[in-house]
């Protein structure tokens, strides 16, 4: 029969794999949220630049169809920004879930490691006591011979 520490080692290894998987999920989700923020900034800058161009074109006497085209395009950019913000919220919510999952996997792994360490320590103490008992018995046998 396997020792308790060996059995716990298998469970601890599985928990470590899950923890590493959770770490990868967490890193991926953080990258996604960071990328979302960068993209939002780019979209907002693009809209701002386009609005400036629109203002300049208005001052120079833009024609009616051009005004409609500019406004329609700016509306599309604004709609894209709003949709992107909704996507960002979903990604941030998922990040929070992934953080909770990671914390759970990390905690489980730590607890199992601690339990395995205690089992190993207990086994070592038991082996040390058995060895000491053998040494004491040999010592008594040697003294009784003389």
C-alpha atoms as a PDB file:
ATOM      1  CA  UNK A   1       0.000   0.000   0.000  1.00  0.00           C
ATOM      2  CA  UNK A   2       1.288   3.430  -0.912  1.00  0.00           C
ATOM      3  CA  UNK A   3       2.181   5.881   1.783  1.00  0.00           C
ATOM      4  CA  UNK A   4      -0.216   8.701   2.473  1.00  0.00           C
ATOM      5  CA  UNK A   5       2.319  11.280   1.271  1.00  0.00           C
ATOM      6  CA  UNK A   6       2.621   9.460  -2.085  1.00  0.00           C
ATOM      7  CA  UNK A   7      -1.157   9.401  -2.537  1.00  0.00           C
ATOM      8  CA  UNK A   8      -1.368  13.070  -1.618  1.00  0.00           C
ATOM      9  CA  UNK A   9       1.440  13.826  -4.045  1.00  0.00           C
ATOM     10  CA  UNK A  10      -0.741  12.672  -6.937  1.00  0.00           C
ATOM     11  CA  UNK A  11      -3.599  14.889  -5.813  1.00  0.00           C
ATOM     12  CA  UNK A  12      -1.202  17.793  -5.279  1.00  0.00           C
ATOM     13  CA  UNK A  13       0.199  17.371  -8.800  1.00  0.00           C
ATOM     14  CA  UNK A  14      -3.313  17.517 -10.231  1.00  0.00           C
ATOM     15  CA  UNK A  15      -4.061  20.625  -8.180  1.00  0.00           C
ATOM     16  CA  UNK A  16      -0.838  22.216  -9.438  1.00  0.00           C
ATOM     17  CA  UNK A  17      -1.834  21.553 -13.051  1.00  0.00           C
ATOM     18  CA  UNK A  18      -5.215  23.150 -12.419  1.00  0.00           C
ATOM     19  CA  UNK A  19      -3.547  26.117 -10.754  1.00  0.00           C
ATOM     20  CA  UNK A  20      -1.219  26.599 -13.736  1.00  0.00           C
ATOM     21  CA  UNK A  21      -4.179  26.325 -16.085  1.00  0.00           C
ATOM     22  CA  UNK A  22      -5.986  28.959 -14.039  1.00  0.00           C
ATOM     23  CA  UNK A  23      -2.884  31.178 -14.193  1.00  0.00           C
ATOM     24  CA  UNK A  24      -2.905  30.885 -17.987  1.00  0.00           C
ATOM     25  CA  UNK A  25      -6.620  31.752 -18.107  1.00  0.00           C
ATOM     26  CA  UNK A  26      -5.940  34.730 -15.856  1.00  0.00           C
ATOM     27  CA  UNK A  27      -3.029  35.987 -17.972  1.00  0.00           C
ATOM     28  CA  UNK A  28      -5.079  35.611 -21.164  1.00  0.00           C
ATOM     29  CA  UNK A  29      -8.026  37.483 -19.683  1.00  0.00           C
ATOM     30  CA  UNK A  30      -5.794  40.287 -18.377  1.00  0.00           C
ATOM     31  CA  UNK A  31      -4.314  40.653 -21.870  1.00  0.00           C
ATOM     32  CA  UNK A  32      -7.818  40.783 -23.323  1.00  0.00           C
ATOM     33  CA  UNK A  33      -8.913  43.511 -20.896  1.00  0.00           C
ATOM     34  CA  UNK A  34      -5.719  45.495 -21.535  1.00  0.00           C
ATOM     35  CA  UNK A  35      -6.201  45.126 -25.281  1.00  0.00           C
ATOM     36  CA  UNK A  36      -9.800  46.320 -24.917  1.00  0.00           C
ATOM     37  CA  UNK A  37      -8.620  49.463 -23.139  1.00  0.00           C
ATOM     38  CA  UNK A  38      -6.060  50.154 -25.867  1.00  0.00           C
ATOM     39  CA  UNK A  39      -8.626  49.629 -28.615  1.00  0.00           C
ATOM     40  CA  UNK A  40     -11.117  51.900 -26.869  1.00  0.00           C
ATOM     41  CA  UNK A  41      -8.517  54.625 -26.627  1.00  0.00           C
ATOM     42  CA  UNK A  42      -7.734  54.242 -30.342  1.00  0.00           C
ATOM     43  CA  UNK A  43     -11.416  54.392 -31.287  1.00  0.00           C
ATOM     44  CA  UNK A  44     -11.974  57.491 -29.162  1.00  0.00           C
ATOM     45  CA  UNK A  45      -8.908  59.183 -30.667  1.00  0.00           C
ATOM     46  CA  UNK A  46     -10.103  58.301 -34.158  1.00  0.00           C
ATOM     47  CA  UNK A  47     -13.530  59.778 -33.432  1.00  0.00           C
ATOM     48  CA  UNK A  48     -11.930  62.915 -32.008  1.00  0.00           C
ATOM     49  CA  UNK A  49      -9.715  63.328 -35.074  1.00  0.00           C
ATOM     50  CA  UNK A  50     -12.654  62.781 -37.384  1.00  0.00           C
ATOM     51  CA  UNK A  51     -14.717  65.343 -35.439  1.00  0.00           C
ATOM     52  CA  UNK A  52     -11.884  67.841 -35.858  1.00  0.00           C
ATOM     53  CA  UNK A  53     -11.834  67.194 -39.599  1.00  0.00           C
ATOM     54  CA  UNK A  54     -15.602  67.635 -39.645  1.00  0.00           C
ATOM     55  CA  UNK A  55     -15.324  70.979 -37.835  1.00  0.00           C
ATOM     56  CA  UNK A  56     -12.678  72.168 -40.290  1.00  0.00           C
ATOM     57  CA  UNK A  57     -14.770  71.051 -43.255  1.00  0.00           C
ATOM     58  CA  UNK A  58     -17.822  72.845 -41.825  1.00  0.00           C
ATOM     59  CA  UNK A  59     -15.842  76.079 -41.499  1.00  0.00           C
ATOM     60  CA  UNK A  60     -14.755  75.784 -45.118  1.00  0.00           C
ATOM     61  CA  UNK A  61     -18.362  75.420 -46.291  1.00  0.00           C
ATOM     62  CA  UNK A  62     -19.066  71.726 -46.730  1.00  0.00           C
ATOM     63  CA  UNK A  63     -21.981  70.660 -48.957  1.00  0.00           C
ATOM     64  CA  UNK A  64     -25.126  68.918 -47.629  1.00  0.00           C
ATOM     65  CA  UNK A  65     -24.352  65.371 -48.829  1.00  0.00           C
ATOM     66  CA  UNK A  66     -20.837  65.611 -47.377  1.00  0.00           C
ATOM     67  CA  UNK A  67     -22.283  66.714 -44.022  1.00  0.00           C
ATOM     68  CA  UNK A  68     -24.601  63.703 -44.006  1.00  0.00           C
ATOM     69  CA  UNK A  69     -21.691  61.355 -44.836  1.00  0.00           C
ATOM     70  CA  UNK A  70     -19.502  62.819 -42.081  1.00  0.00           C
ATOM     71  CA  UNK A  71     -22.312  62.589 -39.530  1.00  0.00           C
ATOM     72  CA  UNK A  72     -23.218  59.038 -40.545  1.00  0.00           C
ATOM     73  CA  UNK A  73     -19.596  57.939 -40.245  1.00  0.00           C
ATOM     74  CA  UNK A  74     -19.196  59.626 -36.848  1.00  0.00           C
ATOM     75  CA  UNK A  75     -22.393  57.897 -35.696  1.00  0.00           C
ATOM     76  CA  UNK A  76     -20.959  54.535 -36.787  1.00  0.00           C
ATOM     77  CA  UNK A  77     -17.766  55.221 -34.854  1.00  0.00           C
ATOM     78  CA  UNK A  78     -19.764  56.264 -31.776  1.00  0.00           C
ATOM     79  CA  UNK A  79     -21.897  53.095 -32.061  1.00  0.00           C
ATOM     80  CA  UNK A  80     -18.739  51.016 -32.371  1.00  0.00           C
ATOM     81  CA  UNK A  81     -17.371  52.674 -29.232  1.00  0.00           C
ATOM     82  CA  UNK A  82     -20.556  51.898 -27.302  1.00  0.00           C
ATOM     83  CA  UNK A  83     -20.514  48.283 -28.483  1.00  0.00           C
ATOM     84  CA  UNK A  84     -16.864  48.037 -27.537  1.00  0.00           C
ATOM     85  CA  UNK A  85     -17.642  49.366 -24.047  1.00  0.00           C
ATOM     86  CA  UNK A  86     -20.265  46.633 -23.634  1.00  0.00           C
ATOM     87  CA  UNK A  87     -17.734  44.032 -24.737  1.00  0.00           C
ATOM     88  CA  UNK A  88     -15.235  45.516 -22.275  1.00  0.00           C
ATOM     89  CA  UNK A  89     -17.738  45.136 -19.453  1.00  0.00           C
ATOM     90  CA  UNK A  90     -18.282  41.483 -20.340  1.00  0.00           C
ATOM     91  CA  UNK A  91     -14.525  40.907 -20.465  1.00  0.00           C
ATOM     92  CA  UNK A  92     -14.018  42.659 -17.114  1.00  0.00           C
ATOM     93  CA  UNK A  93     -16.772  40.526 -15.565  1.00  0.00           C
ATOM     94  CA  UNK A  94     -15.086  37.419 -16.968  1.00  0.00           C
ATOM     95  CA  UNK A  95     -11.776  38.632 -15.552  1.00  0.00           C
ATOM     96  CA  UNK A  96     -13.362  38.850 -12.106  1.00  0.00           C
ATOM     97  CA  UNK A  97     -14.653  35.273 -12.479  1.00  0.00           C
ATOM     98  CA  UNK A  98     -11.263  34.037 -13.648  1.00  0.00           C
ATOM     99  CA  UNK A  99      -9.589  35.778 -10.687  1.00  0.00           C
ATOM    100  CA  UNK A 100     -11.969  33.996  -8.297  1.00  0.00           C
ATOM    101  CA  UNK A 101     -11.283  30.673 -10.038  1.00  0.00           C
ATOM    102  CA  UNK A 102      -7.525  31.276  -9.868  1.00  0.00           C
ATOM    103  CA  UNK A 103      -7.728  32.146  -6.168  1.00  0.00           C
ATOM    104  CA  UNK A 104      -9.722  28.982  -5.530  1.00  0.00           C
ATOM    105  CA  UNK A 105      -7.237  26.793  -7.424  1.00  0.00           C
ATOM    106  CA  UNK A 106      -4.279  28.514  -5.756  1.00  0.00           C
ATOM    107  CA  UNK A 107      -5.811  28.013  -2.311  1.00  0.00           C
ATOM    108  CA  UNK A 108      -6.635  24.389  -2.994  1.00  0.00           C
ATOM    109  CA  UNK A 109      -3.098  23.724  -4.226  1.00  0.00           C
ATOM    110  CA  UNK A 110      -1.562  25.425  -1.193  1.00  0.00           C
ATOM    111  CA  UNK A 111      -3.779  23.465   1.193  1.00  0.00           C
ATOM    112  CA  UNK A 112      -2.942  20.159  -0.465  1.00  0.00           C
ATOM    113  CA  UNK A 113       0.779  20.957  -0.445  1.00  0.00           C
ATOM    114  CA  UNK A 114       0.585  21.736   3.247  1.00  0.00           C
ATOM    115  CA  UNK A 115      -1.306  18.511   3.914  1.00  0.00           C
ATOM    116  CA  UNK A 116       1.228  16.490   1.903  1.00  0.00           C
ATOM    117  CA  UNK A 117       4.106  18.140   3.776  1.00  0.00           C
ATOM    118  CA  UNK A 118       2.498  17.258   7.116  1.00  0.00           C
ATOM    119  CA  UNK A 119       1.985  13.656   5.996  1.00  0.00           C
ATOM    120  CA  UNK A 120       5.615  13.447   4.893  1.00  0.00           C
ATOM    121  CA  UNK A 121       6.758  14.899   8.216  1.00  0.00           C
ATOM    122  CA  UNK A 122       4.625  12.409  10.137  1.00  0.00           C
ATOM    123  CA  UNK A 123       6.035   9.528   8.091  1.00  0.00           C
ATOM    124  CA  UNK A 124       9.568  10.772   8.698  1.00  0.00           C
ATOM    125  CA  UNK A 125       8.936  11.033  12.438  1.00  0.00           C
ATOM    126  CA  UNK A 126       7.532   7.505  12.462  1.00  0.00           C
ATOM    127  CA  UNK A 127      10.563   6.209  10.571  1.00  0.00           C
ATOM    128  CA  UNK A 128      12.886   8.089  12.942  1.00  0.00           C
ATOM    129  CA  UNK A 129      11.157   6.546  15.974  1.00  0.00           C
ATOM    130  CA  UNK A 130      11.399   3.072  14.458  1.00  0.00           C
ATOM    131  CA  UNK A 131      15.091   3.588  13.750  1.00  0.00           C
ATOM    132  CA  UNK A 132      15.687   4.886  17.276  1.00  0.00           C
ATOM    133  CA  UNK A 133      13.851   1.873  18.693  1.00  0.00           C
ATOM    134  CA  UNK A 134      16.040  -0.475  16.652  1.00  0.00           C
ATOM    135  CA  UNK A 135      19.163   1.342  17.810  1.00  0.00           C
ATOM    136  CA  UNK A 136      18.033   1.144  21.442  1.00  0.00           C
ATOM    137  CA  UNK A 137      17.312  -2.587  21.139  1.00  0.00           C
ATOM    138  CA  UNK A 138      20.719  -3.237  19.565  1.00  0.00           C
ATOM    139  CA  UNK A 139      22.364  -1.149  22.232  1.00  0.00           C
ATOM    140  CA  UNK A 140      20.646  -3.190  24.973  1.00  0.00           C
ATOM    141  CA  UNK A 141      21.589  -6.466  23.307  1.00  0.00           C
ATOM    142  CA  UNK A 142      25.202  -5.357  23.055  1.00  0.00           C
ATOM    143  CA  UNK A 143      25.393  -4.321  26.732  1.00  0.00           C
ATOM    144  CA  UNK A 144      23.749  -7.524  27.939  1.00  0.00           C
ATOM    145  CA  UNK A 145      26.348  -9.641  26.103  1.00  0.00           C
ATOM    146  CA  UNK A 146      29.213  -8.112  28.130  1.00  0.00           C
END
